[in-house]
Amino acid sequence: MVLDIGPATIARFTACVEAARTVVWTGPLGVYEIAPFDGGTDALAWFIARRTRDAGLRSVAAGDDTIAALAAAGVEDRFSELTGRDALPAWLDAMSPRAVPA
């Protein structure tokens, strides 16, 4: 059972987010409802929120658990978009570049 991610994983995830233009998050990183196991989720949530504000990152959170975790961290209003997990495939399809027939 995974209860939370550790500092090394947080560092790897934040490095990936720093290099990204869009992040789609579909699940908490640990048992965010119970301290201290909310640390990884909170750290990444705040990092993504700051990158959204400061660097124009497009941040999308999908699913009830993800949105609840962001609310618990106090950053749900700092993400670009919130969507239900069931709506995610349609959202991704709408964002995909289309091939142009020759």
Foldseek 3Di string as FASTA:
>chain_A
DFAADDPVVLVVVLVVQVPDQEDEAEAARHNCVDPPSVVSRLSNLVSNLVCCVPVVRAYEYEADRRLVSNVVSVCNVSHNYYYYNVCVVVVVVVVDDDDDDD
